[in-house]
Each structure stands twice: as structure tokens, then as C-alpha cells.
Amino acid sequence: MDVVELMDWLAERGCSVVFKADGERGQGHRWMVIVSGGALGTEGFFRADLASAEACLEATLEHLADRQISPFT
């Protein structure tokens, strides 16, 4: 699953999703992902600031799995 597929899957479940690459930030935390609402619940919110898009994707999938939400079922 790639970033766009995950974003689409989450949007279909009512989530708002932002993936951002910020060239003004340092190498260590250039990428950011935010997921809120929808399948995470009205108070649900997840944010990660990491070094790569792949790391953000992995962190998001891990967060979802911890909440028993999975695009793989």
C-alpha cells in the first residue's frame, strides 16, 4: 500500500489526512502526517513528524493497527 492508497482508504472512512514534505525543516523531520476524525472517532487524532514518507506511512499503519483499524482486512 502506498501513501495515496492509504489516504484514499482513510478518506472513504471519513478521516481527514494530511501528508506534507517541508523543505524548510531539517532532514530528521522533513515529513509529517496527520490523521483525524472518521474511523479514529470524533476525538481521534494522530500526528507523526519523521525523516521519510515511508516512515510516516509505516507509523500511520502501526497507529491504525493498535486501534484495530486496518486496510488489509
PDB file of N, CA and C in Angstrom:
ATOM      1  N   MET A   1       0.845  -1.170   0.000  1.00  0.00           N
ATOM      2  CA  MET A   1       0.000   0.000   0.000  1.00  0.00           C
ATOM      3  C   MET A   1       0.894   1.237   0.000  1.00  0.00           C
ATOM      4  N   ASP A   2       0.557   2.198  -0.830  1.00  0.00           N
ATOM      5  CA  ASP A   2       1.341   3.433  -0.855  1.00  0.00           C
ATOM      6  C   ASP A   2       0.559   4.554  -0.161  1.00  0.00           C
ATOM      7  N   VAL A   3       1.161   5.711  -0.066  1.00  0.00           N
ATOM      8  CA  VAL A   3       0.587   6.845   0.654  1.00  0.00           C
ATOM      9  C   VAL A   3      -0.765   7.239   0.070  1.00  0.00           C
ATOM     10  N   VAL A   4      -0.867   7.334  -1.242  1.00  0.00           N
ATOM     11  CA  VAL A   4      -2.109   7.765  -1.876  1.00  0.00           C
ATOM     12  C   VAL A   4      -3.220   6.750  -1.619  1.00  0.00           C
ATOM     13  N   GLU A   5      -2.916   5.468  -1.710  1.00  0.00           N
ATOM     14  CA  GLU A   5      -3.915   4.434  -1.436  1.00  0.00           C
ATOM     15  C   GLU A   5      -4.414   4.531   0.005  1.00  0.00           C
ATOM     16  N   LEU A   6      -3.488   4.732   0.949  1.00  0.00           N
ATOM     17  CA  LEU A   6      -3.886   4.845   2.351  1.00  0.00           C
ATOM     18  C   LEU A   6      -4.728   6.089   2.575  1.00  0.00           C
ATOM     19  N   MET A   7      -4.329   7.208   1.989  1.00  0.00           N
ATOM     20  CA  MET A   7      -5.098   8.436   2.144  1.00  0.00           C
ATOM     21  C   MET A   7      -6.517   8.256   1.606  1.00  0.00           C
ATOM     22  N   ASP A   8      -6.648   7.612   0.459  1.00  0.00           N
ATOM     23  CA  ASP A   8      -7.957   7.369  -0.137  1.00  0.00           C
ATOM     24  C   ASP A   8      -8.788   6.452   0.758  1.00  0.00           C
ATOM     25  N   TRP A   9      -8.167   5.386   1.270  1.00  0.00           N
ATOM     26  CA  TRP A   9      -8.857   4.435   2.146  1.00  0.00           C
ATOM     27  C   TRP A   9      -9.360   5.139   3.395  1.00  0.00           C
ATOM     28  N   LEU A  10      -8.519   5.980   4.010  1.00  0.00           N
ATOM     29  CA  LEU A  10      -8.920   6.712   5.208  1.00  0.00           C
ATOM     30  C   LEU A  10     -10.027   7.719   4.902  1.00  0.00           C
ATOM     31  N   ALA A  11      -9.928   8.406   3.778  1.00  0.00           N
ATOM     32  CA  ALA A  11     -10.956   9.376   3.391  1.00  0.00           C
ATOM     33  C   ALA A  11     -12.305   8.694   3.196  1.00  0.00           C
ATOM     34  N   GLU A  12     -12.293   7.493   2.650  1.00  0.00           N
ATOM     35  CA  GLU A  12     -13.527   6.729   2.472  1.00  0.00           C
ATOM     36  C   GLU A  12     -14.167   6.396   3.822  1.00  0.00           C
ATOM     37  N   ARG A  13     -13.387   6.412   4.879  1.00  0.00           N
ATOM     38  CA  ARG A  13     -13.874   6.140   6.227  1.00  0.00           C
ATOM     39  C   ARG A  13     -14.060   7.415   7.040  1.00  0.00           C
ATOM     40  N   GLY A  14     -14.115   8.541   6.347  1.00  0.00           N
ATOM     41  CA  GLY A  14     -14.437   9.806   6.985  1.00  0.00           C
ATOM     42  C   GLY A  14     -13.294  10.547   7.640  1.00  0.00           C
ATOM     43  N   CYS A  15     -12.077  10.076   7.463  1.00  0.00           N
ATOM     44  CA  CYS A  15     -10.919  10.732   8.073  1.00  0.00           C
ATOM     45  C   CYS A  15     -10.425  11.889   7.216  1.00  0.00           C
ATOM     46  N   SER A  16      -9.839  12.869   7.882  1.00  0.00           N
ATOM     47  CA  SER A  16      -9.075  13.907   7.198  1.00  0.00           C
ATOM     48  C   SER A  16      -7.615  13.505   7.306  1.00  0.00           C
ATOM     49  N   VAL A  17      -6.883  13.623   6.196  1.00  0.00           N
ATOM     50  CA  VAL A  17      -5.491  13.164   6.156  1.00  0.00           C
ATOM     51  C   VAL A  17      -4.626  14.221   5.479  1.00  0.00           C
ATOM     52  N   VAL A  18      -3.486  14.518   6.099  1.00  0.00           N
ATOM     53  CA  VAL A  18      -2.511  15.434   5.508  1.00  0.00           C
ATOM     54  C   VAL A  18      -1.151  14.742   5.524  1.00  0.00           C
ATOM     55  N   PHE A  19      -0.531  14.645   4.351  1.00  0.00           N
ATOM     56  CA  PHE A  19       0.868  14.229   4.234  1.00  0.00           C
ATOM     57  C   PHE A  19       1.614  15.433   3.709  1.00  0.00           C
ATOM     58  N   LYS A  20       2.695  15.798   4.372  1.00  0.00           N
ATOM     59  CA  LYS A  20       3.402  17.024   3.991  1.00  0.00           C
ATOM     60  C   LYS A  20       4.904  16.800   3.981  1.00  0.00           C
ATOM     61  N   ALA A  21       5.547  17.318   2.964  1.00  0.00           N
ATOM     62  CA  ALA A  21       7.004  17.384   2.903  1.00  0.00           C
ATOM     63  C   ALA A  21       7.370  18.859   3.018  1.00  0.00           C
ATOM     64  N   ASP A  22       8.254  19.178   3.951  1.00  0.00           N
ATOM     65  CA  ASP A  22       8.585  20.569   4.220  1.00  0.00           C
ATOM     66  C   ASP A  22      10.086  20.782   4.065  1.00  0.00           C
ATOM     67  N   GLY A  23      10.486  21.395   2.981  1.00  0.00           N
ATOM     68  CA  GLY A  23      11.888  21.639   2.687  1.00  0.00           C
ATOM     69  C   GLY A  23      12.567  22.601   3.647  1.00  0.00           C
ATOM     70  N   GLU A  24      11.798  23.349   4.426  1.00  0.00           N
ATOM     71  CA  GLU A  24      12.370  24.287   5.381  1.00  0.00           C
ATOM     72  C   GLU A  24      12.723  23.622   6.706  1.00  0.00           C
ATOM     73  N   ARG A  25      12.279  22.386   6.886  1.00  0.00           N
ATOM     74  CA  ARG A  25      12.580  21.654   8.120  1.00  0.00           C
ATOM     75  C   ARG A  25      13.866  20.862   7.920  1.00  0.00           C
ATOM     76  N   GLY A  26      14.465  20.464   9.002  1.00  0.00           N
ATOM     77  CA  GLY A  26      15.691  19.676   8.934  1.00  0.00           C
ATOM     78  C   GLY A  26      15.458  18.285   8.370  1.00  0.00           C
ATOM     79  N   GLN A  27      16.539  17.631   7.983  1.00  0.00           N
ATOM     80  CA  GLN A  27      16.465  16.290   7.392  1.00  0.00           C
ATOM     81  C   GLN A  27      15.746  15.284   8.291  1.00  0.00           C
ATOM     82  N   GLY A  28      15.893  15.400   9.604  1.00  0.00           N
ATOM     83  CA  GLY A  28      15.359  14.412  10.518  1.00  0.00           C
ATOM     84  C   GLY A  28      13.843  14.355  10.601  1.00  0.00           C
ATOM     85  N   HIS A  29      13.177  15.453  10.301  1.00  0.00           N
ATOM     86  CA  HIS A  29      11.720  15.505  10.438  1.00  0.00           C
ATOM     87  C   HIS A  29      11.076  16.270   9.283  1.00  0.00           C
ATOM     88  N   ARG A  30      11.521  16.004   8.103  1.00  0.00           N
ATOM     89  CA  ARG A  30      11.029  16.733   6.932  1.00  0.00           C
ATOM     90  C   ARG A  30       9.586  16.364   6.583  1.00  0.00           C
ATOM     91  N   TRP A  31       9.153  15.153   6.923  1.00  0.00           N
ATOM     92  CA  TRP A  31       7.830  14.658   6.546  1.00  0.00           C
ATOM     93  C   TRP A  31       6.891  14.679   7.743  1.00  0.00           C
ATOM     94  N   MET A  32       5.620  14.946   7.473  1.00  0.00           N
ATOM     95  CA  MET A  32       4.612  14.961   8.519  1.00  0.00           C
ATOM     96  C   MET A  32       3.343  14.298   7.998  1.00  0.00           C
ATOM     97  N   VAL A  33       2.678  13.553   8.863  1.00  0.00           N
ATOM     98  CA  VAL A  33       1.353  13.014   8.562  1.00  0.00           C
ATOM     99  C   VAL A  33       0.438  13.345   9.726  1.00  0.00           C
ATOM    100  N   ILE A  34      -0.785  13.741   9.400  1.00  0.00           N
ATOM    101  CA  ILE A  34      -1.832  13.977  10.384  1.00  0.00           C
ATOM    102  C   ILE A  34      -3.072  13.241   9.907  1.00  0.00           C
ATOM    103  N   VAL A  35      -3.691  12.489  10.824  1.00  0.00           N
ATOM    104  CA  VAL A  35      -4.955  11.809  10.543  1.00  0.00           C
ATOM    105  C   VAL A  35      -5.900  12.153  11.679  1.00  0.00           C
ATOM    106  N   SER A  36      -7.138  12.541  11.332  1.00  0.00           N
ATOM    107  CA  SER A  36      -8.103  12.870  12.382  1.00  0.00           C
ATOM    108  C   SER A  36      -9.504  12.472  11.965  1.00  0.00           C
ATOM    109  N   GLY A  37     -10.355  12.310  12.987  1.00  0.00           N
ATOM    110  CA  GLY A  37     -11.771  12.051  12.781  1.00  0.00           C
ATOM    111  C   GLY A  37     -12.082  10.709  12.138  1.00  0.00           C
ATOM    112  N   GLY A  38     -13.274  10.616  11.609  1.00  0.00           N
ATOM    113  CA  GLY A  38     -13.714   9.418  10.897  1.00  0.00           C
ATOM    114  C   GLY A  38     -13.534   8.154  11.703  1.00  0.00           C
ATOM    115  N   ALA A  39     -12.835   7.199  11.130  1.00  0.00           N
ATOM    116  CA  ALA A  39     -12.610   5.894  11.761  1.00  0.00           C
ATOM    117  C   ALA A  39     -11.878   6.008  13.092  1.00  0.00           C
ATOM    118  N   LEU A  40     -11.170   7.117  13.327  1.00  0.00           N
ATOM    119  CA  LEU A  40     -10.465   7.314  14.594  1.00  0.00           C
ATOM    120  C   LEU A  40     -11.384   7.851  15.685  1.00  0.00           C
ATOM    121  N   GLY A  41     -12.595   8.216  15.331  1.00  0.00           N
ATOM    122  CA  GLY A  41     -13.541   8.783  16.292  1.00  0.00           C
ATOM    123  C   GLY A  41     -13.461  10.296  16.299  1.00  0.00           C
ATOM    124  N   THR A  42     -14.442  10.921  16.896  1.00  0.00           N
ATOM    125  CA  THR A  42     -14.510  12.384  16.888  1.00  0.00           C
ATOM    126  C   THR A  42     -13.343  13.024  17.612  1.00  0.00           C
ATOM    127  N   GLU A  43     -12.791  12.348  18.603  1.00  0.00           N
ATOM    128  CA  GLU A  43     -11.632  12.864  19.329  1.00  0.00           C
ATOM    129  C   GLU A  43     -10.327  12.244  18.837  1.00  0.00           C
ATOM    130  N   GLY A  44     -10.414  11.385  17.824  1.00  0.00           N
ATOM    131  CA  GLY A  44      -9.236  10.691  17.316  1.00  0.00           C
ATOM    132  C   GLY A  44      -8.306  11.616  16.554  1.00  0.00           C
ATOM    133  N   PHE A  45      -7.020  11.493  16.843  1.00  0.00           N
ATOM    134  CA  PHE A  45      -6.024  12.347  16.203  1.00  0.00           C
ATOM    135  C   PHE A  45      -4.683  11.632  16.245  1.00  0.00           C
ATOM    136  N   PHE A  46      -3.973  11.664  15.113  1.00  0.00           N
ATOM    137  CA  PHE A  46      -2.639  11.077  15.052  1.00  0.00           C
ATOM    138  C   PHE A  46      -1.751  12.020  14.256  1.00  0.00           C
ATOM    139  N   ARG A  47      -0.524  12.232  14.766  1.00  0.00           N
ATOM    140  CA  ARG A  47       0.456  13.042  14.049  1.00  0.00           C
ATOM    141  C   ARG A  47       1.827  12.409  14.236  1.00  0.00           C
ATOM    142  N   ALA A  48       2.594  12.399  13.156  1.00  0.00           N
ATOM    143  CA  ALA A  48       3.983  11.938  13.217  1.00  0.00           C
ATOM    144  C   ALA A  48       4.827  12.863  12.359  1.00  0.00           C
ATOM    145  N   ASP A  49       5.996  13.234  12.852  1.00  0.00           N
ATOM    146  CA  ASP A  49       6.983  14.035  12.130  1.00  0.00           C
ATOM    147  C   ASP A  49       8.225  13.161  12.018  1.00  0.00           C
ATOM    148  N   LEU A  50       8.526  12.720  10.791  1.00  0.00           N
ATOM    149  CA  LEU A  50       9.595  11.748  10.598  1.00  0.00           C
ATOM    150  C   LEU A  50      10.464  12.108   9.403  1.00  0.00           C
ATOM    151  N   ALA A  51      11.503  11.304   9.172  1.00  0.00           N
ATOM    152  CA  ALA A  51      12.513  11.605   8.156  1.00  0.00           C
ATOM    153  C   ALA A  51      12.092  11.251   6.739  1.00  0.00           C
ATOM    154  N   SER A  52      11.083  10.376   6.564  1.00  0.00           N
ATOM    155  CA  SER A  52      10.717   9.966   5.203  1.00  0.00           C
ATOM    156  C   SER A  52       9.223   9.710   5.091  1.00  0.00           C
ATOM    157  N   ALA A  53       8.724   9.753   3.869  1.00  0.00           N
ATOM    158  CA  ALA A  53       7.322   9.418   3.626  1.00  0.00           C
ATOM    159  C   ALA A  53       7.041   7.978   4.017  1.00  0.00           C
ATOM    160  N   GLU A  54       7.991   7.099   3.752  1.00  0.00           N
ATOM    161  CA  GLU A  54       7.827   5.681   4.094  1.00  0.00           C
ATOM    162  C   GLU A  54       7.684   5.502   5.605  1.00  0.00           C
ATOM    163  N   ALA A  55       8.478   6.242   6.377  1.00  0.00           N
ATOM    164  CA  ALA A  55       8.390   6.159   7.834  1.00  0.00           C
ATOM    165  C   ALA A  55       7.036   6.673   8.325  1.00  0.00           C
ATOM    166  N   CYS A  56       6.523   7.725   7.710  1.00  0.00           N
ATOM    167  CA  CYS A  56       5.197   8.237   8.068  1.00  0.00           C
ATOM    168  C   CYS A  56       4.112   7.219   7.721  1.00  0.00           C
ATOM    169  N   LEU A  57       4.226   6.592   6.565  1.00  0.00           N
ATOM    170  CA  LEU A  57       3.273   5.566   6.168  1.00  0.00           C
ATOM    171  C   LEU A  57       3.280   4.422   7.176  1.00  0.00           C
ATOM    172  N   GLU A  58       4.458   3.940   7.522  1.00  0.00           N
ATOM    173  CA  GLU A  58       4.591   2.834   8.477  1.00  0.00           C
ATOM    174  C   GLU A  58       4.026   3.221   9.847  1.00  0.00           C
ATOM    175  N   ALA A  59       4.333   4.424  10.317  1.00  0.00           N
ATOM    176  CA  ALA A  59       3.837   4.874  11.617  1.00  0.00           C
ATOM    177  C   ALA A  59       2.314   4.972  11.620  1.00  0.00           C
ATOM    178  N   THR A  60       1.745   5.436  10.521  1.00  0.00           N
ATOM    179  CA  THR A  60       0.286   5.541  10.418  1.00  0.00           C
ATOM    180  C   THR A  60      -0.352   4.162  10.441  1.00  0.00           C
ATOM    181  N   LEU A  61       0.204   3.231   9.679  1.00  0.00           N
ATOM    182  CA  LEU A  61      -0.332   1.864   9.670  1.00  0.00           C
ATOM    183  C   LEU A  61      -0.223   1.221  11.047  1.00  0.00           C
ATOM    184  N   GLU A  62       0.871   1.457  11.759  1.00  0.00           N
ATOM    185  CA  GLU A  62       1.040   0.927  13.107  1.00  0.00           C
ATOM    186  C   GLU A  62       0.008   1.532  14.064  1.00  0.00           C
ATOM    187  N   HIS A  63      -0.214   2.833  13.947  1.00  0.00           N
ATOM    188  CA  HIS A  63      -1.202   3.500  14.791  1.00  0.00           C
ATOM    189  C   HIS A  63      -2.590   2.914  14.546  1.00  0.00           C
ATOM    190  N   LEU A  64      -2.942   2.727  13.292  1.00  0.00           N
ATOM    191  CA  LEU A  64      -4.240   2.149  12.962  1.00  0.00           C
ATOM    192  C   LEU A  64      -4.362   0.733  13.503  1.00  0.00           C
ATOM    193  N   ALA A  65      -3.306  -0.064  13.334  1.00  0.00           N
ATOM    194  CA  ALA A  65      -3.323  -1.450  13.814  1.00  0.00           C
ATOM    195  C   ALA A  65      -3.511  -1.490  15.334  1.00  0.00           C
ATOM    196  N   ASP A  66      -2.888  -0.568  16.056  1.00  0.00           N
ATOM    197  CA  ASP A  66      -3.042  -0.502  17.514  1.00  0.00           C
ATOM    198  C   ASP A  66      -4.483  -0.257  17.917  1.00  0.00           C
ATOM    199  N   ARG A  67      -5.253   0.364  17.027  1.00  0.00           N
ATOM    200  CA  ARG A  67      -6.657   0.658  17.276  1.00  0.00           C
ATOM    201  C   ARG A  67      -7.572  -0.323  16.544  1.00  0.00           C
ATOM    202  N   GLN A  68      -6.997  -1.391  16.057  1.00  0.00           N
ATOM    203  CA  GLN A  68      -7.707  -2.456  15.345  1.00  0.00           C
ATOM    204  C   GLN A  68      -8.446  -1.939  14.115  1.00  0.00           C
ATOM    205  N   ILE A  69      -7.786  -1.016  13.416  1.00  0.00           N
ATOM    206  CA  ILE A  69      -8.273  -0.487  12.150  1.00  0.00           C
ATOM    207  C   ILE A  69      -7.231  -0.863  11.110  1.00  0.00           C
ATOM    208  N   SER A  70      -7.656  -1.553  10.057  1.00  0.00           N
ATOM    209  CA  SER A  70      -6.665  -1.999   9.084  1.00  0.00           C
ATOM    210  C   SER A  70      -7.215  -1.985   7.664  1.00  0.00           C
ATOM    211  N   PRO A  71      -6.449  -1.439   6.737  1.00  0.00           N
ATOM    212  CA  PRO A  71      -6.871  -1.500   5.339  1.00  0.00           C
ATOM    213  C   PRO A  71      -6.620  -2.875   4.720  1.00  0.00           C
ATOM    214  N   PHE A  72      -6.032  -3.784   5.485  1.00  0.00           N
ATOM    215  CA  PHE A  72      -5.660  -5.094   4.952  1.00  0.00           C
ATOM    216  C   PHE A  72      -6.666  -6.191   5.294  1.00  0.00           C
ATOM    217  N   THR A  73      -7.793  -5.830   5.930  1.00  0.00           N
ATOM    218  CA  THR A  73      -8.776  -6.853   6.282  1.00  0.00           C
ATOM    219  C   THR A  73      -9.983  -6.792   5.400  1.00  0.00           C
TER     220      THR A  73
END
